[in-house]
C-alpha atoms as a PDB file:
ATOM      1  CA  MET A   1     103.502 -76.850  87.299  1.00  0.00           C
ATOM      2  CA  VAL A   2     103.884 -73.207  85.438  1.00  0.00           C
ATOM      3  CA  ALA A   3     100.371 -72.746  86.578  1.00  0.00           C
ATOM      4  CA  ARG A   4     101.507 -73.229  90.229  1.00  0.00           C
ATOM      5  CA  ALA A   5     104.774 -71.407  89.913  1.00  0.00           C
ATOM      6  CA  GLY A   6     102.689 -68.150  88.524  1.00  0.00           C
ATOM      7  CA  ALA A   7     100.172 -68.194  91.762  1.00  0.00           C
ATOM      8  CA  LEU A   8     103.167 -67.818  93.869  1.00  0.00           C
ATOM      9  CA  THR A   9     103.789 -64.946  95.795  1.00  0.00           C
ATOM     10  CA  GLY A  10     106.461 -63.090  97.926  1.00  0.00           C
ATOM     11  CA  PRO A  11     110.014 -61.309  96.976  1.00  0.00           C
ATOM     12  CA  ASP A  12     111.581 -65.204  96.087  1.00  0.00           C
ATOM     13  CA  ALA A  13     108.827 -66.137  94.067  1.00  0.00           C
ATOM     14  CA  PRO A  14     108.959 -66.692  89.902  1.00  0.00           C
ATOM     15  CA  ARG A  15     107.696 -64.249  87.996  1.00  0.00           C
ATOM     16  CA  VAL A  16     105.844 -65.716  85.286  1.00  0.00           C
ATOM     17  CA  VAL A  17     104.804 -63.781  82.009  1.00  0.00           C
ATOM     18  CA  TRP A  18     102.537 -65.274  79.647  1.00  0.00           C
ATOM     19  CA  HIS A  19     102.979 -64.585  76.082  1.00  0.00           C
ATOM     20  CA  VAL A  20      99.695 -65.836  73.870  1.00  0.00           C
ATOM     21  CA  GLU A  21     101.065 -65.457  70.404  1.00  0.00           C
ATOM     22  CA  ARG A  22     103.823 -67.597  68.330  1.00  0.00           C
ATOM     23  CA  SER A  23     107.077 -68.124  70.483  1.00  0.00           C
ATOM     24  CA  ALA A  24     109.136 -66.575  67.121  1.00  0.00           C
ATOM     25  CA  ASP A  25     107.038 -63.329  66.986  1.00  0.00           C
ATOM     26  CA  THR A  26     107.366 -62.749  70.802  1.00  0.00           C
ATOM     27  CA  GLY A  27     111.298 -63.821  70.621  1.00  0.00           C
ATOM     28  CA  ARG A  28     112.123 -61.315  67.395  1.00  0.00           C
ATOM     29  CA  ALA A  29     110.427 -58.466  69.532  1.00  0.00           C
ATOM     30  CA  TRP A  30     112.140 -59.307  72.862  1.00  0.00           C
ATOM     31  CA  SER A  31     113.650 -56.507  74.196  1.00  0.00           C
ATOM     32  CA  ALA A  32     113.214 -57.000  78.087  1.00  0.00           C
ATOM     33  CA  PRO A  33     116.078 -58.252  80.200  1.00  0.00           C
ATOM     34  CA  PRO A  34     117.411 -62.402  79.986  1.00  0.00           C
ATOM     35  CA  VAL A  35     114.767 -64.802  80.948  1.00  0.00           C
ATOM     36  CA  ASP A  36     115.930 -67.655  83.181  1.00  0.00           C
ATOM     37  CA  LEU A  37     113.648 -70.372  81.642  1.00  0.00           C
ATOM     38  CA  VAL A  38     112.176 -70.898  77.992  1.00  0.00           C
ATOM     39  CA  PHE A  39     109.442 -74.000  77.742  1.00  0.00           C
ATOM     40  CA  VAL A  40     109.981 -75.328  73.992  1.00  0.00           C
ATOM     41  CA  ASP A  41     106.555 -77.076  73.449  1.00  0.00           C
ATOM     42  CA  GLY A  42     105.088 -75.751  70.284  1.00  0.00           C
ATOM     43  CA  ASP A  43     105.389 -77.025  66.656  1.00  0.00           C
ATOM     44  CA  HIS A  44     106.843 -80.244  67.088  1.00  0.00           C
ATOM     45  CA  THR A  45     108.284 -80.054  63.859  1.00  0.00           C
ATOM     46  CA  GLU A  46     112.221 -80.081  63.105  1.00  0.00           C
ATOM     47  CA  GLU A  47     111.659 -76.792  61.224  1.00  0.00           C
ATOM     48  CA  GLY A  48     109.159 -75.297  64.084  1.00  0.00           C
ATOM     49  CA  CYS A  49     111.664 -76.751  67.215  1.00  0.00           C
ATOM     50  CA  ALA A  50     114.631 -75.467  65.588  1.00  0.00           C
ATOM     51  CA  LEU A  51     113.374 -71.971  64.817  1.00  0.00           C
ATOM     52  CA  ASP A  52     112.164 -71.726  68.539  1.00  0.00           C
ATOM     53  CA  TRP A  53     115.893 -72.706  69.744  1.00  0.00           C
ATOM     54  CA  GLU A  54     117.244 -70.133  67.355  1.00  0.00           C
ATOM     55  CA  THR A  55     114.553 -67.092  68.081  1.00  0.00           C
ATOM     56  CA  TRP A  56     115.152 -67.711  72.226  1.00  0.00           C
ATOM     57  CA  HIS A  57     118.297 -69.144  73.178  1.00  0.00           C
ATOM     58  CA  ASP A  58     120.217 -65.866  72.893  1.00  0.00           C
ATOM     59  CA  HIS A  59     117.958 -64.546  75.324  1.00  0.00           C
ATOM     60  CA  VAL A  60     118.481 -67.047  78.143  1.00  0.00           C
ATOM     61  CA  ALA A  61     120.428 -65.679  81.032  1.00  0.00           C
ATOM     62  CA  LEU A  62     123.801 -67.580  82.219  1.00  0.00           C
ATOM     63  CA  GLY A  63     122.643 -70.467  84.107  1.00  0.00           C
ATOM     64  CA  GLY A  64     119.421 -70.281  82.532  1.00  0.00           C
ATOM     65  CA  HIS A  65     117.726 -73.169  80.906  1.00  0.00           C
ATOM     66  CA  VAL A  66     115.280 -74.178  77.679  1.00  0.00           C
ATOM     67  CA  VAL A  67     113.428 -77.318  78.397  1.00  0.00           C
ATOM     68  CA  PHE A  68     112.339 -79.104  75.247  1.00  0.00           C
ATOM     69  CA  HIS A  69     108.958 -81.293  75.643  1.00  0.00           C
ATOM     70  CA  ASP A  70     108.598 -84.548  73.944  1.00  0.00           C
ATOM     71  CA  ALA A  71     112.282 -84.474  73.277  1.00  0.00           C
ATOM     72  CA  ARG A  72     113.265 -88.029  74.145  1.00  0.00           C
ATOM     73  CA  SER A  73     111.555 -91.646  74.422  1.00  0.00           C
ATOM     74  CA  ALA A  74     111.696 -92.821  77.977  1.00  0.00           C
ATOM     75  CA  PRO A  75     110.910 -96.419  79.282  1.00  0.00           C
ATOM     76  CA  GLY A  76     107.769 -96.191  80.903  1.00  0.00           C
ATOM     77  CA  SER A  77     106.611 -92.897  79.319  1.00  0.00           C
ATOM     78  CA  PRO A  78     105.071 -92.201  75.705  1.00  0.00           C
ATOM     79  CA  THR A  79     107.271 -91.721  73.161  1.00  0.00           C
ATOM     80  CA  GLY A  80     108.956 -88.487  72.059  1.00  0.00           C
ATOM     81  CA  LEU A  81     108.465 -86.745  68.928  1.00  0.00           C
ATOM     82  CA  GLU A  82     110.775 -87.032  65.994  1.00  0.00           C
ATOM     83  CA  GLY A  83     111.109 -83.387  64.856  1.00  0.00           C
ATOM     84  CA  VAL A  84     112.131 -82.247  68.741  1.00  0.00           C
ATOM     85  CA  ILE A  85     114.688 -85.568  69.539  1.00  0.00           C
ATOM     86  CA  ALA A  86     116.374 -84.530  66.079  1.00  0.00           C
ATOM     87  CA  VAL A  87     116.719 -81.149  67.342  1.00  0.00           C
ATOM     88  CA  VAL A  88     117.870 -81.744  70.690  1.00  0.00           C
ATOM     89  CA  ASP A  89     120.366 -84.684  69.275  1.00  0.00           C
ATOM     90  CA  ARG A  90     121.666 -82.644  66.387  1.00  0.00           C
ATOM     91  CA  LEU A  91     122.523 -79.626  69.263  1.00  0.00           C
ATOM     92  CA  PHE A  92     123.627 -81.305  72.263  1.00  0.00           C
ATOM     93  CA  ARG A  93     124.532 -85.161  71.580  1.00  0.00           C
ATOM     94  CA  GLU A  94     126.097 -85.402  68.198  1.00  0.00           C
ATOM     95  CA  GLY A  95     127.936 -82.333  67.033  1.00  0.00           C
ATOM     96  CA  GLY A  96     127.884 -79.884  69.338  1.00  0.00           C
ATOM     97  CA  GLY A  97     126.003 -77.563  67.611  1.00  0.00           C
ATOM     98  CA  ALA A  98     125.296 -75.467  70.544  1.00  0.00           C
ATOM     99  CA  PRO A  99     128.608 -74.281  72.189  1.00  0.00           C
ATOM    100  CA  GLY A 100     128.304 -72.529  75.657  1.00  0.00           C
ATOM    101  CA  TRP A 101     125.144 -75.271  76.308  1.00  0.00           C
ATOM    102  CA  GLU A 102     125.027 -78.863  78.332  1.00  0.00           C
ATOM    103  CA  ILE A 103     122.392 -81.077  79.194  1.00  0.00           C
ATOM    104  CA  ALA A 104     121.151 -80.711  82.695  1.00  0.00           C
ATOM    105  CA  ARG A 105     118.970 -83.109  82.938  1.00  0.00           C
ATOM    106  CA  GLU A 106     116.315 -85.341  81.758  1.00  0.00           C
ATOM    107  CA  VAL A 107     113.049 -86.533  82.771  1.00  0.00           C
ATOM    108  CA  ASP A 108     110.579 -88.625  81.176  1.00  0.00           C
ATOM    109  CA  ARG A 109     110.254 -86.836  77.687  1.00  0.00           C
ATOM    110  CA  ALA A 110     111.579 -83.556  78.498  1.00  0.00           C
ATOM    111  CA  VAL A 111     115.288 -82.466  78.155  1.00  0.00           C
ATOM    112  CA  ALA A 112     116.506 -79.482  79.964  1.00  0.00           C
ATOM    113  CA  VAL A 113     119.716 -77.444  78.849  1.00  0.00           C
ATOM    114  CA  ARG A 114     121.411 -75.175  80.677  1.00  0.00           C
ATOM    115  CA  ARG A 115     123.559 -71.890  79.528  1.00  0.00           C
ATOM    116  CA  VAL A 116     127.232 -72.072  81.078  1.00  0.00           C
ATOM    117  CA  ALA A 117     128.579 -69.640  78.782  1.00  0.00           C
END
């Protein structure tokens, strides 16, 4: 899906920029305009996923999304991973630890959250 988006052309095509390095390193150095989408699918430990969230969520534009892969277990799909599930549960399901964000959609093992404030 991401490769397909990067191959689109034209004035309405998404702009995809690959950064081949640790996401936390990229996020800490980020000085470009806010992004519309962050796809979290790296370090699946609770600490690694939380670091991705902490490093990147402030760089997402209003109305933009963060998609967590392996963030849920869905019937008929492989099981999500404990570390990612724990972060998503803590931030978005249990205590409201992410003010200004809401779950937008859950599909298979992915959970998309949207910045609303």
